[in-house]
Amino acid sequence: MKVLLAEDEPDIQLITRLALEDAGCLVVAVNDGQAALESAQSEPFDVVLLDVMMPRIDGFTTCARLHANPQTRDLPVIFLTAKSQELEVERGLAIGARGYIVKPFDVFSLIDRIADILGDRAV
């Protein structure tokens, strides 16, 4: 499974990337929404993990742009974020996210959530 991870916090990015790689995933990690959009348009991914608060383009805008593009519209998005207010969760799901995981999170729960979303395509 190929995962696009967009996270601007270096420690969280590293821990998440290593856990996903240990689970057998190929991970491409980027630091902002613009880089996520460029990566998603240049190579195929099975799932995108987005932080909400990122430089250049935030996660909500990135998700909306991914789903507006015919090339990436069916790409599952899961938000990984510290924003846990109900309105933020609803906003993320309303723009097409398939999941919303609040930091700090358990990496095994993240892997389980990805597997639930991808079904037979999962690790």
C-alpha atoms as a PDB file:
ATOM      1  CA  MET A   1       0.000   0.000   0.000  1.00  0.00           C
ATOM      2  CA  LYS A   2       1.299   3.436  -0.928  1.00  0.00           C
ATOM      3  CA  VAL A   3       0.594   6.280   1.513  1.00  0.00           C
ATOM      4  CA  LEU A   4       0.984  10.030   1.035  1.00  0.00           C
ATOM      5  CA  LEU A   5       1.639  11.626   4.435  1.00  0.00           C
ATOM      6  CA  ALA A   6       1.322  15.416   4.665  1.00  0.00           C
ATOM      7  CA  GLU A   7       2.505  16.529   8.108  1.00  0.00           C
ATOM      8  CA  ASP A   8       4.564  19.617   8.914  1.00  0.00           C
ATOM      9  CA  GLU A   9       5.624  18.563  12.431  1.00  0.00           C
ATOM     10  CA  PRO A  10       8.916  16.652  11.932  1.00  0.00           C
ATOM     11  CA  ASP A  11       8.590  14.368  14.976  1.00  0.00           C
ATOM     12  CA  ILE A  12       5.018  13.336  14.168  1.00  0.00           C
ATOM     13  CA  GLN A  13       5.920  12.856  10.525  1.00  0.00           C
ATOM     14  CA  LEU A  14       8.867  10.618  11.436  1.00  0.00           C
ATOM     15  CA  ILE A  15       6.976   8.478  13.968  1.00  0.00           C
ATOM     16  CA  THR A  16       4.009   8.041  11.623  1.00  0.00           C
ATOM     17  CA  ARG A  17       6.188   7.264   8.616  1.00  0.00           C
ATOM     18  CA  LEU A  18       8.248   4.672  10.507  1.00  0.00           C
ATOM     19  CA  ALA A  19       5.147   2.961  11.923  1.00  0.00           C
ATOM     20  CA  LEU A  20       3.536   2.763   8.497  1.00  0.00           C
ATOM     21  CA  GLU A  21       6.739   1.445   6.931  1.00  0.00           C
ATOM     22  CA  ASP A  22       6.992  -1.178   9.694  1.00  0.00           C
ATOM     23  CA  ALA A  23       3.466  -2.248   8.715  1.00  0.00           C
ATOM     24  CA  GLY A  24       4.634  -2.738   5.133  1.00  0.00           C
ATOM     25  CA  CYS A  25       3.531   0.555   3.595  1.00  0.00           C
ATOM     26  CA  LEU A  26       5.489   2.617   1.122  1.00  0.00           C
ATOM     27  CA  VAL A  27       5.312   6.181   2.460  1.00  0.00           C
ATOM     28  CA  VAL A  28       5.952   9.468   0.696  1.00  0.00           C
ATOM     29  CA  ALA A  29       6.110  12.253   3.291  1.00  0.00           C
ATOM     30  CA  VAL A  30       5.672  15.952   2.514  1.00  0.00           C
ATOM     31  CA  ASN A  31       5.542  19.053   4.708  1.00  0.00           C
ATOM     32  CA  ASP A  32       2.590  21.035   3.354  1.00  0.00           C
ATOM     33  CA  GLY A  33      -0.602  20.923   1.359  1.00  0.00           C
ATOM     34  CA  GLN A  34       0.900  22.260  -1.851  1.00  0.00           C
ATOM     35  CA  ALA A  35       3.497  19.474  -1.886  1.00  0.00           C
ATOM     36  CA  ALA A  36       0.726  16.949  -1.173  1.00  0.00           C
ATOM     37  CA  LEU A  37      -1.275  18.146  -4.168  1.00  0.00           C
ATOM     38  CA  GLU A  38       1.771  17.987  -6.420  1.00  0.00           C
ATOM     39  CA  SER A  39       2.689  14.487  -5.220  1.00  0.00           C
ATOM     40  CA  ALA A  40      -0.864  13.168  -5.586  1.00  0.00           C
ATOM     41  CA  GLN A  41      -0.993  14.412  -9.174  1.00  0.00           C
ATOM     42  CA  SER A  42       2.387  12.998 -10.138  1.00  0.00           C
ATOM     43  CA  GLU A  43       2.128   9.452  -8.764  1.00  0.00           C
ATOM     44  CA  PRO A  44      -0.595   7.058  -7.570  1.00  0.00           C
ATOM     45  CA  PHE A  45      -1.393   6.573  -3.881  1.00  0.00           C
ATOM     46  CA  ASP A  46      -3.821   4.324  -2.048  1.00  0.00           C
ATOM     47  CA  VAL A  47      -4.544   6.789   0.765  1.00  0.00           C
ATOM     48  CA  VAL A  48      -3.630  10.318   1.870  1.00  0.00           C
ATOM     49  CA  LEU A  49      -3.030  11.282   5.490  1.00  0.00           C
ATOM     50  CA  LEU A  50      -3.388  15.043   6.006  1.00  0.00           C
ATOM     51  CA  ASP A  51      -2.652  17.308   8.911  1.00  0.00           C
ATOM     52  CA  VAL A  52      -5.170  20.165   9.051  1.00  0.00           C
ATOM     53  CA  MET A  53      -2.842  22.977  10.072  1.00  0.00           C
ATOM     54  CA  MET A  54      -0.004  23.115   7.538  1.00  0.00           C
ATOM     55  CA  PRO A  55       1.897  25.906   5.792  1.00  0.00           C
ATOM     56  CA  ARG A  56       1.083  27.095   2.265  1.00  0.00           C
ATOM     57  CA  ILE A  57      -2.223  25.201   1.930  1.00  0.00           C
ATOM     58  CA  ASP A  58      -4.104  23.782   4.921  1.00  0.00           C
ATOM     59  CA  GLY A  59      -5.446  20.250   5.049  1.00  0.00           C
ATOM     60  CA  PHE A  60      -9.087  21.211   4.463  1.00  0.00           C
ATOM     61  CA  THR A  61      -8.220  23.081   1.278  1.00  0.00           C
ATOM     62  CA  THR A  62      -5.904  20.273   0.176  1.00  0.00           C
ATOM     63  CA  CYS A  63      -8.664  17.695   0.658  1.00  0.00           C
ATOM     64  CA  ALA A  64     -11.185  19.818  -1.227  1.00  0.00           C
ATOM     65  CA  ARG A  65      -8.761  20.289  -4.131  1.00  0.00           C
ATOM     66  CA  LEU A  66      -7.939  16.584  -4.250  1.00  0.00           C
ATOM     67  CA  HIS A  67     -11.631  15.746  -4.506  1.00  0.00           C
ATOM     68  CA  ALA A  68     -12.268  18.450  -7.114  1.00  0.00           C
ATOM     69  CA  ASN A  69      -9.621  16.979  -9.425  1.00  0.00           C
ATOM     70  CA  PRO A  70     -10.845  14.051 -11.589  1.00  0.00           C
ATOM     71  CA  GLN A  71      -7.404  12.425 -11.292  1.00  0.00           C
ATOM     72  CA  THR A  72      -7.494  12.323  -7.457  1.00  0.00           C
ATOM     73  CA  ARG A  73     -11.202  12.602  -6.621  1.00  0.00           C
ATOM     74  CA  ASP A  74     -11.523   8.974  -5.422  1.00  0.00           C
ATOM     75  CA  LEU A  75      -8.366   9.036  -3.304  1.00  0.00           C
ATOM     76  CA  PRO A  76      -9.302   8.329   0.337  1.00  0.00           C
ATOM     77  CA  VAL A  77      -8.243  11.069   2.764  1.00  0.00           C
ATOM     78  CA  ILE A  78      -7.812  10.698   6.513  1.00  0.00           C
ATOM     79  CA  PHE A  79      -7.154  13.762   8.635  1.00  0.00           C
ATOM     80  CA  LEU A  80      -4.551  13.510  11.411  1.00  0.00           C
ATOM     81  CA  THR A  81      -4.971  16.603  13.534  1.00  0.00           C
ATOM     82  CA  ALA A  82      -5.025  18.220  16.944  1.00  0.00           C
ATOM     83  CA  LYS A  83      -8.269  19.998  15.977  1.00  0.00           C
ATOM     84  CA  SER A  84     -10.869  17.927  17.792  1.00  0.00           C
ATOM     85  CA  GLN A  85     -13.855  20.294  17.948  1.00  0.00           C
ATOM     86  CA  GLU A  86     -16.990  18.730  16.516  1.00  0.00           C
ATOM     87  CA  LEU A  87     -17.368  21.468  13.890  1.00  0.00           C
ATOM     88  CA  GLU A  88     -13.831  20.771  12.620  1.00  0.00           C
ATOM     89  CA  VAL A  89     -14.540  17.042  12.381  1.00  0.00           C
ATOM     90  CA  GLU A  90     -17.814  17.715  10.558  1.00  0.00           C
ATOM     91  CA  ARG A  91     -16.059  20.106   8.180  1.00  0.00           C
ATOM     92  CA  GLY A  92     -13.431  17.499   7.312  1.00  0.00           C
ATOM     93  CA  LEU A  93     -15.986  14.790   6.677  1.00  0.00           C
ATOM     94  CA  ALA A  94     -18.210  17.179   4.700  1.00  0.00           C
ATOM     95  CA  ILE A  95     -15.429  17.913   2.206  1.00  0.00           C
ATOM     96  CA  GLY A  96     -14.843  14.240   1.561  1.00  0.00           C
ATOM     97  CA  ALA A  97     -12.491  12.880   4.196  1.00  0.00           C
ATOM     98  CA  ARG A  98     -13.036   9.214   5.014  1.00  0.00           C
ATOM     99  CA  GLY A  99     -11.641   9.502   8.524  1.00  0.00           C
ATOM    100  CA  TYR A 100     -10.606  11.974  11.186  1.00  0.00           C
ATOM    101  CA  ILE A 101      -8.035  10.922  13.780  1.00  0.00           C
ATOM    102  CA  VAL A 102      -7.169  13.275  16.641  1.00  0.00           C
ATOM    103  CA  LYS A 103      -3.561  13.690  17.801  1.00  0.00           C
ATOM    104  CA  PRO A 104      -2.015  12.232  19.770  1.00  0.00           C
ATOM    105  CA  PHE A 105      -3.070   8.986  18.175  1.00  0.00           C
ATOM    106  CA  ASP A 106      -2.100   5.357  18.458  1.00  0.00           C
ATOM    107  CA  VAL A 107      -0.341   4.294  15.243  1.00  0.00           C
ATOM    108  CA  PHE A 108      -1.933   0.844  15.405  1.00  0.00           C
ATOM    109  CA  SER A 109      -5.376   2.469  15.438  1.00  0.00           C
ATOM    110  CA  LEU A 110      -4.319   4.500  12.410  1.00  0.00           C
ATOM    111  CA  ILE A 111      -3.242   1.367  10.559  1.00  0.00           C
ATOM    112  CA  ASP A 112      -6.540  -0.317  11.479  1.00  0.00           C
ATOM    113  CA  ARG A 113      -8.477   2.709  10.212  1.00  0.00           C
ATOM    114  CA  ILE A 114      -6.589   2.656   6.907  1.00  0.00           C
ATOM    115  CA  ALA A 115      -7.312  -1.068   6.564  1.00  0.00           C
ATOM    116  CA  ASP A 116     -11.017  -0.450   7.257  1.00  0.00           C
ATOM    117  CA  ILE A 117     -11.170   2.205   4.539  1.00  0.00           C
ATOM    118  CA  LEU A 118      -9.172   0.317   1.926  1.00  0.00           C
ATOM    119  CA  GLY A 119     -10.593  -3.137   2.568  1.00  0.00           C
ATOM    120  CA  ASP A 120      -8.941  -5.646   0.211  1.00  0.00           C
ATOM    121  CA  ARG A 121      -6.365  -3.066  -0.951  1.00  0.00           C
ATOM    122  CA  ALA A 122      -4.930  -2.701   2.586  1.00  0.00           C
ATOM    123  CA  VAL A 123      -1.661  -4.083   3.889  1.00  0.00           C
END
